[in-house]
Amino acid sequence: VQKLCGNNVGSKYVFSNTQVKTLVEGRDGNIVERDNEAAYLRVRSSVVIDDHTGDMIIKLVNMTSIPTTMAINIDGKENYNLNTIADVICGEPGDKDLAPRQININLNDGSTCDLPPYSFTVIRLKPVK
């Protein structure tokens, strides 16, 4: 986590608005997505710009034991390539020797990101040229 943070430091913060949803079993037994205020308190985001590269860096943390979906609304994201790769590190509290894995992500699709339990995700968006 420290290496991911250290390699993705930005120069200035960008306004972002997030909404956290979790999957729960409905009365009919179907899985549905619901707003989750309790999860919102333990799921956080940070959006910064790297002045050297022009990249927008989105860092997402899920400190809960349940998978969550975060809706991401960011000022100026239309100036970036929204189809990119995210670095995700996740495990159980106390795990050691965890390594990040890379996943493809497309923020064009409703601008949501699935966050595994106990995870740290870094999304680096390159400017559109």
C-alpha atoms as a PDB file:
ATOM      1  CA  VAL A   1       0.000   0.000   0.000  1.00  0.00           C
ATOM      2  CA  GLN A   2       2.810   2.404   0.852  1.00  0.00           C
ATOM      3  CA  LYS A   3       4.460   1.835  -2.534  1.00  0.00           C
ATOM      4  CA  LEU A   4       1.164   2.407  -4.386  1.00  0.00           C
ATOM      5  CA  CYS A   5       0.620   5.635  -2.447  1.00  0.00           C
ATOM      6  CA  GLY A   6       4.205   6.784  -2.928  1.00  0.00           C
ATOM      7  CA  ASN A   7       4.114   6.146  -6.686  1.00  0.00           C
ATOM      8  CA  ASN A   8       0.798   7.963  -7.098  1.00  0.00           C
ATOM      9  CA  VAL A   9       1.225  11.264  -5.308  1.00  0.00           C
ATOM     10  CA  GLY A  10      -0.492  14.221  -6.868  1.00  0.00           C
ATOM     11  CA  SER A  11       0.175  17.943  -6.874  1.00  0.00           C
ATOM     12  CA  LYS A  12      -3.348  19.285  -6.362  1.00  0.00           C
ATOM     13  CA  TYR A  13      -6.693  17.955  -5.208  1.00  0.00           C
ATOM     14  CA  VAL A  14      -9.741  17.699  -7.482  1.00  0.00           C
ATOM     15  CA  PHE A  15     -13.328  17.936  -6.264  1.00  0.00           C
ATOM     16  CA  SER A  16     -15.101  14.587  -6.350  1.00  0.00           C
ATOM     17  CA  ASN A  17     -18.453  13.387  -5.125  1.00  0.00           C
ATOM     18  CA  THR A  18     -18.916   9.713  -4.283  1.00  0.00           C
ATOM     19  CA  GLN A  19     -21.815   7.453  -3.404  1.00  0.00           C
ATOM     20  CA  VAL A  20     -21.365   4.015  -1.832  1.00  0.00           C
ATOM     21  CA  LYS A  21     -23.650   1.063  -2.545  1.00  0.00           C
ATOM     22  CA  THR A  22     -23.537  -2.521  -1.279  1.00  0.00           C
ATOM     23  CA  LEU A  23     -25.175  -5.695  -2.518  1.00  0.00           C
ATOM     24  CA  VAL A  24     -27.801  -7.089  -0.142  1.00  0.00           C
ATOM     25  CA  GLU A  25     -30.359  -9.861  -0.305  1.00  0.00           C
ATOM     26  CA  GLY A  26     -33.863  -8.509  -0.822  1.00  0.00           C
ATOM     27  CA  ARG A  27     -37.046  -9.902   0.726  1.00  0.00           C
ATOM     28  CA  ASP A  28     -37.642 -11.971  -2.408  1.00  0.00           C
ATOM     29  CA  GLY A  29     -34.169 -13.548  -2.181  1.00  0.00           C
ATOM     30  CA  ASN A  30     -32.759 -11.562  -5.104  1.00  0.00           C
ATOM     31  CA  ILE A  31     -29.543  -9.614  -4.667  1.00  0.00           C
ATOM     32  CA  VAL A  32     -30.110  -5.861  -4.983  1.00  0.00           C
ATOM     33  CA  GLU A  33     -27.863  -2.815  -4.795  1.00  0.00           C
ATOM     34  CA  ARG A  34     -28.630  -0.365  -1.975  1.00  0.00           C
ATOM     35  CA  ASP A  35     -27.165   2.844  -0.590  1.00  0.00           C
ATOM     36  CA  ASN A  36     -25.247   2.011   2.569  1.00  0.00           C
ATOM     37  CA  GLU A  37     -24.601   4.864   5.007  1.00  0.00           C
ATOM     38  CA  ALA A  38     -22.594   2.650   7.395  1.00  0.00           C
ATOM     39  CA  ALA A  39     -20.282   1.528   4.573  1.00  0.00           C
ATOM     40  CA  TYR A  40     -19.922   5.135   3.404  1.00  0.00           C
ATOM     41  CA  LEU A  41     -18.196   5.950   6.691  1.00  0.00           C
ATOM     42  CA  ARG A  42     -15.516   3.311   5.984  1.00  0.00           C
ATOM     43  CA  VAL A  43     -15.076   3.759   2.228  1.00  0.00           C
ATOM     44  CA  ARG A  44     -13.041   6.770   1.122  1.00  0.00           C
ATOM     45  CA  SER A  45     -11.656   8.378  -2.000  1.00  0.00           C
ATOM     46  CA  SER A  46      -9.039  10.917  -3.001  1.00  0.00           C
ATOM     47  CA  VAL A  47      -8.639  12.487  -6.443  1.00  0.00           C
ATOM     48  CA  VAL A  48      -5.505  14.431  -7.377  1.00  0.00           C
ATOM     49  CA  ILE A  49      -3.723  15.725 -10.470  1.00  0.00           C
ATOM     50  CA  ASP A  50      -0.034  15.020 -11.064  1.00  0.00           C
ATOM     51  CA  ASP A  51       1.312  18.297 -12.514  1.00  0.00           C
ATOM     52  CA  HIS A  52       4.371  16.531 -13.981  1.00  0.00           C
ATOM     53  CA  THR A  53       2.403  14.036 -16.119  1.00  0.00           C
ATOM     54  CA  GLY A  54      -1.046  15.653 -16.218  1.00  0.00           C
ATOM     55  CA  ASP A  55      -2.525  12.360 -14.980  1.00  0.00           C
ATOM     56  CA  MET A  56      -5.599  12.266 -12.766  1.00  0.00           C
ATOM     57  CA  ILE A  57      -5.071   9.805  -9.905  1.00  0.00           C
ATOM     58  CA  ILE A  58      -8.055   8.292  -8.102  1.00  0.00           C
ATOM     59  CA  LYS A  59      -7.388   6.417  -4.857  1.00  0.00           C
ATOM     60  CA  LEU A  60     -10.200   4.352  -3.310  1.00  0.00           C
ATOM     61  CA  VAL A  61     -10.181   2.552   0.041  1.00  0.00           C
ATOM     62  CA  ASN A  62     -12.735   0.001   1.252  1.00  0.00           C
ATOM     63  CA  MET A  63     -12.147  -0.692   4.953  1.00  0.00           C
ATOM     64  CA  THR A  64     -15.258  -2.889   5.261  1.00  0.00           C
ATOM     65  CA  SER A  65     -15.625  -6.672   5.160  1.00  0.00           C
ATOM     66  CA  ILE A  66     -18.178  -6.456   2.326  1.00  0.00           C
ATOM     67  CA  PRO A  67     -17.768  -5.706  -1.384  1.00  0.00           C
ATOM     68  CA  THR A  68     -18.987  -2.230  -2.290  1.00  0.00           C
ATOM     69  CA  THR A  69     -19.657  -0.251  -5.431  1.00  0.00           C
ATOM     70  CA  MET A  70     -18.592   3.384  -5.492  1.00  0.00           C
ATOM     71  CA  ALA A  71     -20.195   5.848  -7.877  1.00  0.00           C
ATOM     72  CA  ILE A  72     -17.559   8.403  -8.841  1.00  0.00           C
ATOM     73  CA  ASN A  73     -18.391  11.921 -10.041  1.00  0.00           C
ATOM     74  CA  ILE A  74     -15.274  13.959 -10.797  1.00  0.00           C
ATOM     75  CA  ASP A  75     -14.951  17.472 -12.183  1.00  0.00           C
ATOM     76  CA  GLY A  76     -13.080  17.497 -15.505  1.00  0.00           C
ATOM     77  CA  LYS A  77     -12.960  13.748 -16.084  1.00  0.00           C
ATOM     78  CA  GLU A  78     -14.122  14.253 -19.681  1.00  0.00           C
ATOM     79  CA  ASN A  79     -10.561  15.467 -20.429  1.00  0.00           C
ATOM     80  CA  TYR A  80      -9.121  12.016 -19.623  1.00  0.00           C
ATOM     81  CA  ASN A  81      -9.012   8.569 -21.171  1.00  0.00           C
ATOM     82  CA  LEU A  82     -11.543   6.747 -18.986  1.00  0.00           C
ATOM     83  CA  ASN A  83     -10.620   3.278 -20.224  1.00  0.00           C
ATOM     84  CA  THR A  84      -7.560   2.317 -18.182  1.00  0.00           C
ATOM     85  CA  ILE A  85      -5.941  -0.141 -15.779  1.00  0.00           C
ATOM     86  CA  ALA A  86      -6.375  -0.016 -12.011  1.00  0.00           C
ATOM     87  CA  ASP A  87      -3.988  -1.405  -9.395  1.00  0.00           C
ATOM     88  CA  VAL A  88      -5.871  -3.241  -6.639  1.00  0.00           C
ATOM     89  CA  ILE A  89      -4.490  -4.694  -3.435  1.00  0.00           C
ATOM     90  CA  CYS A  90      -6.787  -6.584  -1.093  1.00  0.00           C
ATOM     91  CA  GLY A  91      -6.712  -9.192   1.647  1.00  0.00           C
ATOM     92  CA  GLU A  92      -7.749  -9.829   5.195  1.00  0.00           C
ATOM     93  CA  PRO A  93      -6.558  -7.661   8.109  1.00  0.00           C
ATOM     94  CA  GLY A  94      -3.170  -8.970   9.215  1.00  0.00           C
ATOM     95  CA  ASP A  95      -2.270 -10.498   5.834  1.00  0.00           C
ATOM     96  CA  LYS A  96       1.351 -10.043   4.834  1.00  0.00           C
ATOM     97  CA  ASP A  97       3.155 -10.159   1.486  1.00  0.00           C
ATOM     98  CA  LEU A  98       0.204  -8.897  -0.530  1.00  0.00           C
ATOM     99  CA  ALA A  99       0.868  -7.783  -4.091  1.00  0.00           C
ATOM    100  CA  PRO A 100      -1.268  -5.512  -6.255  1.00  0.00           C
ATOM    101  CA  ARG A 101      -3.051  -6.973  -9.256  1.00  0.00           C
ATOM    102  CA  GLN A 102      -4.060  -5.031 -12.312  1.00  0.00           C
ATOM    103  CA  ILE A 103      -7.615  -4.953 -13.650  1.00  0.00           C
ATOM    104  CA  ASN A 104      -9.130  -3.231 -16.664  1.00  0.00           C
ATOM    105  CA  ILE A 105     -11.589  -0.500 -15.768  1.00  0.00           C
ATOM    106  CA  ASN A 106     -13.811   1.733 -17.861  1.00  0.00           C
ATOM    107  CA  LEU A 107     -15.217   4.760 -16.053  1.00  0.00           C
ATOM    108  CA  ASN A 108     -17.356   5.614 -19.107  1.00  0.00           C
ATOM    109  CA  ASP A 109     -19.833   2.968 -17.964  1.00  0.00           C
ATOM    110  CA  GLY A 110     -21.749   4.972 -15.368  1.00  0.00           C
ATOM    111  CA  SER A 111     -18.559   5.884 -13.517  1.00  0.00           C
ATOM    112  CA  THR A 112     -18.739   3.152 -10.900  1.00  0.00           C
ATOM    113  CA  CYS A 113     -15.980   1.044  -9.458  1.00  0.00           C
ATOM    114  CA  ASP A 114     -16.367  -2.257  -7.615  1.00  0.00           C
ATOM    115  CA  LEU A 115     -14.245  -2.395  -4.466  1.00  0.00           C
ATOM    116  CA  PRO A 116     -13.390  -5.750  -2.865  1.00  0.00           C
ATOM    117  CA  PRO A 117     -13.461  -6.023   0.950  1.00  0.00           C
ATOM    118  CA  TYR A 118     -10.385  -4.588   2.711  1.00  0.00           C
ATOM    119  CA  SER A 119      -8.976  -3.094  -0.481  1.00  0.00           C
ATOM    120  CA  PHE A 120      -6.959  -0.177  -1.809  1.00  0.00           C
ATOM    121  CA  THR A 121      -7.449   0.749  -5.471  1.00  0.00           C
ATOM    122  CA  VAL A 122      -5.467   3.239  -7.566  1.00  0.00           C
ATOM    123  CA  ILE A 123      -6.784   4.386 -10.939  1.00  0.00           C
ATOM    124  CA  ARG A 124      -4.485   6.549 -13.045  1.00  0.00           C
ATOM    125  CA  LEU A 125      -6.194   8.403 -15.914  1.00  0.00           C
ATOM    126  CA  LYS A 126      -4.110   9.782 -18.761  1.00  0.00           C
ATOM    127  CA  PRO A 127      -5.106  13.095 -20.370  1.00  0.00           C
ATOM    128  CA  VAL A 128      -6.803  12.959 -23.765  1.00  0.00           C
ATOM    129  CA  LYS A 129      -4.420  14.359 -26.366  1.00  0.00           C
END
